[in-house]
C-alpha atoms as a PDB file:
ATOM      1  CA  MET A   1     108.374 107.727  58.655  1.00  0.00           C
ATOM      2  CA  GLN A   2     108.912 109.909  61.727  1.00  0.00           C
ATOM      3  CA  ALA A   3     107.748 113.292  60.570  1.00  0.00           C
ATOM      4  CA  ASP A   4     103.999 112.947  60.027  1.00  0.00           C
ATOM      5  CA  ILE A   5     102.669 111.427  63.256  1.00  0.00           C
ATOM      6  CA  GLN A   6      99.890 112.368  65.654  1.00  0.00           C
ATOM      7  CA  LEU A   7      99.279 111.376  69.282  1.00  0.00           C
ATOM      8  CA  LEU A   8      95.747 110.074  69.933  1.00  0.00           C
ATOM      9  CA  LEU A   9      93.833 109.064  73.043  1.00  0.00           C
ATOM     10  CA  THR A  10      92.172 105.645  72.716  1.00  0.00           C
ATOM     11  CA  ALA A  11      88.949 104.363  74.262  1.00  0.00           C
ATOM     12  CA  ASP A  12      90.620 102.927  77.367  1.00  0.00           C
ATOM     13  CA  GLY A  13      92.394 106.208  78.145  1.00  0.00           C
ATOM     14  CA  SER A  14      95.819 105.171  76.861  1.00  0.00           C
ATOM     15  CA  HIS A  15      97.662 106.731  73.933  1.00  0.00           C
ATOM     16  CA  THR A  16      98.357 105.504  70.467  1.00  0.00           C
ATOM     17  CA  VAL A  17     100.234 107.154  67.612  1.00  0.00           C
ATOM     18  CA  ARG A  18      98.802 107.628  64.144  1.00  0.00           C
ATOM     19  CA  HIS A  19     101.099 107.688  61.132  1.00  0.00           C
ATOM     20  CA  GLU A  20      99.286 110.093  58.835  1.00  0.00           C
ATOM     21  CA  THR A  21     101.156 109.234  55.650  1.00  0.00           C
ATOM     22  CA  LEU A  22     100.526 105.497  55.955  1.00  0.00           C
ATOM     23  CA  GLY A  23      97.053 105.980  57.420  1.00  0.00           C
ATOM     24  CA  VAL A  24      97.582 103.543  60.298  1.00  0.00           C
ATOM     25  CA  THR A  25      97.794 103.682  64.086  1.00  0.00           C
ATOM     26  CA  TYR A  26     100.362 101.876  66.210  1.00  0.00           C
ATOM     27  CA  HIS A  27      97.616 100.479  68.478  1.00  0.00           C
ATOM     28  CA  SER A  28      93.856 100.066  68.372  1.00  0.00           C
ATOM     29  CA  ILE A  29      91.839 103.259  68.831  1.00  0.00           C
ATOM     30  CA  HIS A  30      89.393 101.094  70.806  1.00  0.00           C
ATOM     31  CA  GLY A  31      92.020 100.734  73.540  1.00  0.00           C
ATOM     32  CA  ALA A  32      95.781 100.533  73.145  1.00  0.00           C
ATOM     33  CA  VAL A  33      96.519  98.889  76.484  1.00  0.00           C
ATOM     34  CA  GLN A  34      93.652  96.417  76.346  1.00  0.00           C
ATOM     35  CA  GLU A  35      94.674  95.341  72.823  1.00  0.00           C
ATOM     36  CA  SER A  36      98.316  94.752  73.751  1.00  0.00           C
ATOM     37  CA  GLN A  37      97.335  93.044  77.001  1.00  0.00           C
ATOM     38  CA  ARG A  38      95.113  90.579  75.159  1.00  0.00           C
ATOM     39  CA  VAL A  39      97.227  89.871  72.068  1.00  0.00           C
ATOM     40  CA  PHE A  40     100.746  89.915  73.448  1.00  0.00           C
ATOM     41  CA  ILE A  41     100.528  89.354  77.204  1.00  0.00           C
ATOM     42  CA  GLU A  42      97.590  86.985  77.718  1.00  0.00           C
ATOM     43  CA  LEU A  43      97.995  84.956  74.520  1.00  0.00           C
ATOM     44  CA  GLY A  44     101.767  85.352  74.286  1.00  0.00           C
ATOM     45  CA  LEU A  45     103.763  86.009  77.438  1.00  0.00           C
ATOM     46  CA  GLN A  46     101.534  84.261  79.959  1.00  0.00           C
ATOM     47  CA  ALA A  47     101.275  81.225  77.688  1.00  0.00           C
ATOM     48  CA  ALA A  48     105.052  81.195  77.219  1.00  0.00           C
ATOM     49  CA  PHE A  49     105.617  81.374  80.990  1.00  0.00           C
ATOM     50  CA  GLU A  50     103.569  78.169  81.297  1.00  0.00           C
ATOM     51  CA  ARG A  51     105.034  76.481  78.237  1.00  0.00           C
ATOM     52  CA  PHE A  52     108.654  77.219  79.143  1.00  0.00           C
ATOM     53  CA  ALA A  53     108.571  76.989  82.917  1.00  0.00           C
ATOM     54  CA  ASN A  54     111.587  77.670  85.126  1.00  0.00           C
ATOM     55  CA  VAL A  55     113.823  79.180  82.428  1.00  0.00           C
ATOM     56  CA  PRO A  56     114.615  82.810  81.577  1.00  0.00           C
ATOM     57  CA  LEU A  57     112.351  83.783  78.708  1.00  0.00           C
ATOM     58  CA  ARG A  58     113.629  85.333  75.480  1.00  0.00           C
ATOM     59  CA  VAL A  59     111.101  87.539  73.702  1.00  0.00           C
ATOM     60  CA  PHE A  60     111.459  89.133  70.257  1.00  0.00           C
ATOM     61  CA  GLU A  61     109.251  92.009  69.140  1.00  0.00           C
ATOM     62  CA  MET A  62     108.863  93.114  65.559  1.00  0.00           C
ATOM     63  CA  GLY A  63     107.868  96.777  65.778  1.00  0.00           C
ATOM     64  CA  PHE A  64     109.089  98.274  69.070  1.00  0.00           C
ATOM     65  CA  GLY A  65     107.098 101.433  68.292  1.00  0.00           C
ATOM     66  CA  THR A  66     105.673 103.142  71.369  1.00  0.00           C
ATOM     67  CA  GLY A  67     107.293 100.668  73.761  1.00  0.00           C
ATOM     68  CA  LEU A  68     103.896  99.602  75.134  1.00  0.00           C
ATOM     69  CA  ASN A  69     104.416  95.880  74.562  1.00  0.00           C
ATOM     70  CA  ALA A  70     107.833  96.021  76.191  1.00  0.00           C
ATOM     71  CA  LEU A  71     106.416  97.988  79.131  1.00  0.00           C
ATOM     72  CA  LEU A  72     103.612  95.479  79.715  1.00  0.00           C
ATOM     73  CA  THR A  73     106.149  92.658  79.484  1.00  0.00           C
ATOM     74  CA  ALA A  74     108.464  94.298  82.021  1.00  0.00           C
ATOM     75  CA  ARG A  75     105.518  94.725  84.389  1.00  0.00           C
ATOM     76  CA  GLU A  76     104.510  91.082  83.986  1.00  0.00           C
ATOM     77  CA  ALA A  77     108.082  89.862  84.494  1.00  0.00           C
ATOM     78  CA  GLU A  78     108.202  91.762  87.793  1.00  0.00           C
ATOM     79  CA  ARG A  79     104.840  90.386  88.890  1.00  0.00           C
ATOM     80  CA  HIS A  80     105.854  86.788  88.196  1.00  0.00           C
ATOM     81  CA  GLY A  81     109.500  87.100  89.230  1.00  0.00           C
ATOM     82  CA  ARG A  82     110.460  85.632  85.840  1.00  0.00           C
ATOM     83  CA  PRO A  83     113.551  86.938  84.028  1.00  0.00           C
ATOM     84  CA  VAL A  84     112.800  88.159  80.508  1.00  0.00           C
ATOM     85  CA  ALA A  85     115.400  89.118  77.900  1.00  0.00           C
ATOM     86  CA  TYR A  86     113.606  91.313  75.386  1.00  0.00           C
ATOM     87  CA  THR A  87     114.815  92.176  71.882  1.00  0.00           C
ATOM     88  CA  GLY A  88     112.946  94.700  69.756  1.00  0.00           C
ATOM     89  CA  VAL A  89     113.521  95.635  66.125  1.00  0.00           C
ATOM     90  CA  GLU A  90     112.375  99.060  64.947  1.00  0.00           C
ATOM     91  CA  ALA A  91     113.350 100.651  61.654  1.00  0.00           C
ATOM     92  CA  TYR A  92     111.770 104.034  62.392  1.00  0.00           C
ATOM     93  CA  PRO A  93     111.900 104.933  66.115  1.00  0.00           C
ATOM     94  CA  LEU A  94     109.619 107.559  67.565  1.00  0.00           C
ATOM     95  CA  PRO A  95     111.454 110.836  68.161  1.00  0.00           C
ATOM     96  CA  PRO A  96     112.034 111.587  71.871  1.00  0.00           C
ATOM     97  CA  GLU A  97     109.716 114.581  71.827  1.00  0.00           C
ATOM     98  CA  GLU A  98     106.872 112.207  70.907  1.00  0.00           C
ATOM     99  CA  SER A  99     107.738 109.217  73.116  1.00  0.00           C
ATOM    100  CA  GLN A 100     107.954 111.510  76.158  1.00  0.00           C
ATOM    101  CA  LYS A 101     104.288 112.471  75.710  1.00  0.00           C
ATOM    102  CA  LEU A 102     102.993 108.890  75.972  1.00  0.00           C
ATOM    103  CA  ASN A 103     100.885 108.270  79.073  1.00  0.00           C
ATOM    104  CA  PHE A 104     101.458 104.539  79.538  1.00  0.00           C
ATOM    105  CA  ASP A 105     103.288 104.839  82.861  1.00  0.00           C
ATOM    106  CA  VAL A 106     100.382 106.867  84.258  1.00  0.00           C
ATOM    107  CA  ALA A 107      97.787 104.469  82.836  1.00  0.00           C
ATOM    108  CA  LEU A 108      99.569 101.362  84.122  1.00  0.00           C
ATOM    109  CA  GLY A 109     101.175 102.606  87.327  1.00  0.00           C
ATOM    110  CA  THR A 110     104.642 101.735  86.001  1.00  0.00           C
ATOM    111  CA  THR A 111     107.911 103.672  85.890  1.00  0.00           C
ATOM    112  CA  PHE A 112     109.818 102.016  83.033  1.00  0.00           C
ATOM    113  CA  LEU A 113     108.667 103.834  79.890  1.00  0.00           C
ATOM    114  CA  ASN A 114     111.299 106.574  79.760  1.00  0.00           C
ATOM    115  CA  ALA A 115     114.050 104.039  80.417  1.00  0.00           C
ATOM    116  CA  LEU A 116     112.800 101.872  77.553  1.00  0.00           C
ATOM    117  CA  HIS A 117     112.917 104.743  75.079  1.00  0.00           C
ATOM    118  CA  ALA A 118     116.136 106.275  76.418  1.00  0.00           C
ATOM    119  CA  SER A 119     118.105 103.029  76.373  1.00  0.00           C
ATOM    120  CA  PRO A 120     120.820 103.025  73.677  1.00  0.00           C
ATOM    121  CA  TRP A 121     120.385 101.082  70.467  1.00  0.00           C
ATOM    122  CA  HIS A 122     122.298  97.851  69.857  1.00  0.00           C
ATOM    123  CA  GLU A 123     123.153  97.369  73.547  1.00  0.00           C
ATOM    124  CA  THR A 124     121.663  95.176  76.250  1.00  0.00           C
ATOM    125  CA  VAL A 125     120.372  97.294  79.129  1.00  0.00           C
ATOM    126  CA  ASN A 126     119.073  96.235  82.533  1.00  0.00           C
ATOM    127  CA  ILE A 127     115.701  97.935  82.927  1.00  0.00           C
ATOM    128  CA  SER A 128     114.748  96.086  86.125  1.00  0.00           C
ATOM    129  CA  PRO A 129     115.975  93.030  88.050  1.00  0.00           C
ATOM    130  CA  PHE A 130     113.775  90.831  85.858  1.00  0.00           C
ATOM    131  CA  PHE A 131     113.883  92.614  82.496  1.00  0.00           C
ATOM    132  CA  THR A 132     116.670  93.379  80.042  1.00  0.00           C
ATOM    133  CA  LEU A 133     116.184  95.213  76.758  1.00  0.00           C
ATOM    134  CA  ASN A 134     118.114  95.151  73.512  1.00  0.00           C
ATOM    135  CA  LYS A 135     116.756  97.471  70.797  1.00  0.00           C
ATOM    136  CA  GLN A 136     117.895  97.097  67.217  1.00  0.00           C
ATOM    137  CA  GLN A 137     117.373 100.002  64.833  1.00  0.00           C
ATOM    138  CA  THR A 138     117.011  98.168  61.556  1.00  0.00           C
ATOM    139  CA  SER A 139     114.441  96.394  59.421  1.00  0.00           C
ATOM    140  CA  LEU A 140     113.370  92.835  60.103  1.00  0.00           C
ATOM    141  CA  GLN A 141     114.599  91.833  56.661  1.00  0.00           C
ATOM    142  CA  ASN A 142     118.115  93.109  57.397  1.00  0.00           C
ATOM    143  CA  TRP A 143     118.465  91.953  60.993  1.00  0.00           C
ATOM    144  CA  GLN A 144     120.664  88.930  61.652  1.00  0.00           C
ATOM    145  CA  THR A 145     120.934  86.931  64.874  1.00  0.00           C
ATOM    146  CA  ASN A 146     122.046  83.544  66.143  1.00  0.00           C
ATOM    147  CA  GLU A 147     119.764  83.851  69.155  1.00  0.00           C
ATOM    148  CA  ARG A 148     116.620  81.747  69.427  1.00  0.00           C
ATOM    149  CA  PHE A 149     113.478  82.996  71.138  1.00  0.00           C
ATOM    150  CA  HIS A 150     110.625  81.455  73.093  1.00  0.00           C
ATOM    151  CA  LEU A 151     108.127  84.058  71.909  1.00  0.00           C
ATOM    152  CA  VAL A 152     107.626  86.526  69.066  1.00  0.00           C
ATOM    153  CA  TYR A 153     105.338  89.546  69.264  1.00  0.00           C
ATOM    154  CA  TYR A 154     104.493  90.316  65.660  1.00  0.00           C
ATOM    155  CA  ASP A 155     103.311  93.933  65.765  1.00  0.00           C
ATOM    156  CA  ALA A 156     104.240  95.231  62.335  1.00  0.00           C
ATOM    157  CA  PHE A 157     102.118  97.887  60.634  1.00  0.00           C
ATOM    158  CA  ALA A 158      98.944  96.544  59.057  1.00  0.00           C
ATOM    159  CA  PRO A 159      99.150  94.692  55.730  1.00  0.00           C
ATOM    160  CA  SER A 160      97.441  97.620  54.020  1.00  0.00           C
ATOM    161  CA  ALA A 161     100.463  99.773  54.874  1.00  0.00           C
ATOM    162  CA  GLN A 162     103.337  97.265  54.672  1.00  0.00           C
ATOM    163  CA  PRO A 163     102.174  94.134  52.792  1.00  0.00           C
ATOM    164  CA  GLU A 164     105.772  92.933  52.400  1.00  0.00           C
ATOM    165  CA  LEU A 165     105.926  92.214  56.141  1.00  0.00           C
ATOM    166  CA  TRP A 166     103.121  89.637  55.957  1.00  0.00           C
ATOM    167  CA  GLU A 167     104.471  87.384  53.215  1.00  0.00           C
ATOM    168  CA  PRO A 168     105.437  83.701  53.670  1.00  0.00           C
ATOM    169  CA  GLU A 169     109.150  84.519  53.481  1.00  0.00           C
ATOM    170  CA  ILE A 170     108.870  86.766  56.543  1.00  0.00           C
ATOM    171  CA  PHE A 171     107.157  84.062  58.575  1.00  0.00           C
ATOM    172  CA  GLN A 172     109.733  81.511  57.450  1.00  0.00           C
ATOM    173  CA  ARG A 173     112.381  83.867  58.762  1.00  0.00           C
ATOM    174  CA  LEU A 174     110.567  84.208  62.069  1.00  0.00           C
ATOM    175  CA  ALA A 175     110.210  80.446  62.362  1.00  0.00           C
ATOM    176  CA  CYS A 176     113.992  80.247  62.231  1.00  0.00           C
ATOM    177  CA  PHE A 177     114.210  82.748  65.106  1.00  0.00           C
ATOM    178  CA  LEU A 178     112.004  80.609  67.344  1.00  0.00           C
ATOM    179  CA  LEU A 179     112.874  77.630  69.489  1.00  0.00           C
ATOM    180  CA  PRO A 180     110.952  74.439  68.658  1.00  0.00           C
ATOM    181  CA  GLY A 181     107.438  74.848  70.006  1.00  0.00           C
ATOM    182  CA  GLY A 182     107.888  78.614  70.386  1.00  0.00           C
ATOM    183  CA  LEU A 183     104.960  81.002  70.091  1.00  0.00           C
ATOM    184  CA  LEU A 184     104.110  83.912  67.811  1.00  0.00           C
ATOM    185  CA  THR A 185     101.177  86.230  68.475  1.00  0.00           C
ATOM    186  CA  THR A 186      99.718  88.917  66.249  1.00  0.00           C
ATOM    187  CA  TYR A 187      96.641  91.115  66.052  1.00  0.00           C
ATOM    188  CA  CYS A 188      96.103  90.422  62.339  1.00  0.00           C
ATOM    189  CA  SER A 189      93.880  87.425  61.557  1.00  0.00           C
ATOM    190  CA  LYS A 190      93.354  87.862  57.814  1.00  0.00           C
ATOM    191  CA  SER A 191      92.921  84.584  55.967  1.00  0.00           C
ATOM    192  CA  TYR A 192      96.022  85.023  53.834  1.00  0.00           C
ATOM    193  CA  VAL A 193      98.111  85.762  56.953  1.00  0.00           C
ATOM    194  CA  GLN A 194      96.913  82.457  58.408  1.00  0.00           C
ATOM    195  CA  ARG A 195      97.801  80.692  55.144  1.00  0.00           C
ATOM    196  CA  ASN A 196     101.240  82.293  55.061  1.00  0.00           C
ATOM    197  CA  LEU A 197     101.935  81.251  58.652  1.00  0.00           C
ATOM    198  CA  ARG A 198     100.926  77.677  57.874  1.00  0.00           C
ATOM    199  CA  ALA A 199     103.098  77.725  54.748  1.00  0.00           C
ATOM    200  CA  ALA A 200     106.035  78.603  57.023  1.00  0.00           C
ATOM    201  CA  GLY A 201     105.333  75.526  59.167  1.00  0.00           C
ATOM    202  CA  PHE A 202     103.353  77.109  61.985  1.00  0.00           C
ATOM    203  CA  THR A 203     100.273  75.635  63.602  1.00  0.00           C
ATOM    204  CA  VAL A 204      97.758  78.487  63.724  1.00  0.00           C
ATOM    205  CA  GLU A 205      95.223  79.072  66.482  1.00  0.00           C
ATOM    206  CA  LYS A 206      92.414  81.640  66.358  1.00  0.00           C
ATOM    207  CA  HIS A 207      91.456  83.281  69.648  1.00  0.00           C
ATOM    208  CA  PRO A 208      88.867  85.884  70.649  1.00  0.00           C
ATOM    209  CA  GLY A 209      90.343  89.336  70.289  1.00  0.00           C
ATOM    210  CA  PRO A 210      90.154  92.552  72.293  1.00  0.00           C
ATOM    211  CA  ALA A 211      87.386  95.142  71.982  1.00  0.00           C
ATOM    212  CA  ARG A 212      85.960  95.445  68.458  1.00  0.00           C
ATOM    213  CA  LYS A 213      88.280  92.670  67.235  1.00  0.00           C
ATOM    214  CA  ARG A 214      86.633  89.305  66.630  1.00  0.00           C
ATOM    215  CA  GLU A 215      89.770  87.177  66.290  1.00  0.00           C
ATOM    216  CA  VAL A 216      93.516  87.352  66.745  1.00  0.00           C
ATOM    217  CA  LEU A 217      96.183  84.734  66.104  1.00  0.00           C
ATOM    218  CA  ARG A 218      98.611  82.633  68.056  1.00  0.00           C
ATOM    219  CA  ALA A 219     100.959  80.443  66.029  1.00  0.00           C
ATOM    220  CA  ILE A 220     103.191  77.619  67.267  1.00  0.00           C
ATOM    221  CA  SER A 221     106.478  76.855  65.585  1.00  0.00           C
ATOM    222  CA  PRO A 222     107.115  73.242  64.574  1.00  0.00           C
ATOM    223  CA  PRO A 223     108.736  70.957  67.175  1.00  0.00           C
ATOM    224  CA  ILE A 224     111.726  70.417  64.877  1.00  0.00           C
ATOM    225  CA  LEU A 225     112.751  73.150  62.445  1.00  0.00           C
END
């Protein structure tokens, strides 16, 4: 999974990574930052800040990848003065020689990206006064936790590449990770993904997407699991 990758510049000037073997990119070629900002920050983090006011927020990301979603979250936590404990699961981390080429800090005016990638696996690290990171190098199917989260960023590879990560059983597992009323956001709005989320007990909302993307999804976990 690590060997055959290519760095690409997207339409908004930020990088993405293309996995040549799977034929997918980690972010939209129409703008990596603008996609993550819309799907995960605006529809996810900002909504969770309002929904779960005055408490430290716990965020889980499936697919740590380039670290862009974590970086945007760290920036937003600083802006709002809201503590965020961030957990990311990644089975196939980018090699350091690739992650060090990413231009997100330059594009966003941040300074956290190297710290996100250099932080050790399976440990909680203080990245900033308002952001802690715990990266888990494993698959979602194998990861176990007793922690419950306010928000899930579901940023797995597209169903065309990894269909097993979009099945009802996966969303049932994620529902168990979430607190009652917790949120899940994802870029993929395919009809069967919506059906599988509903089958797992989620209420599914469709929202306008980023550039060249008509719709994206936000799902709400049931009040009582």
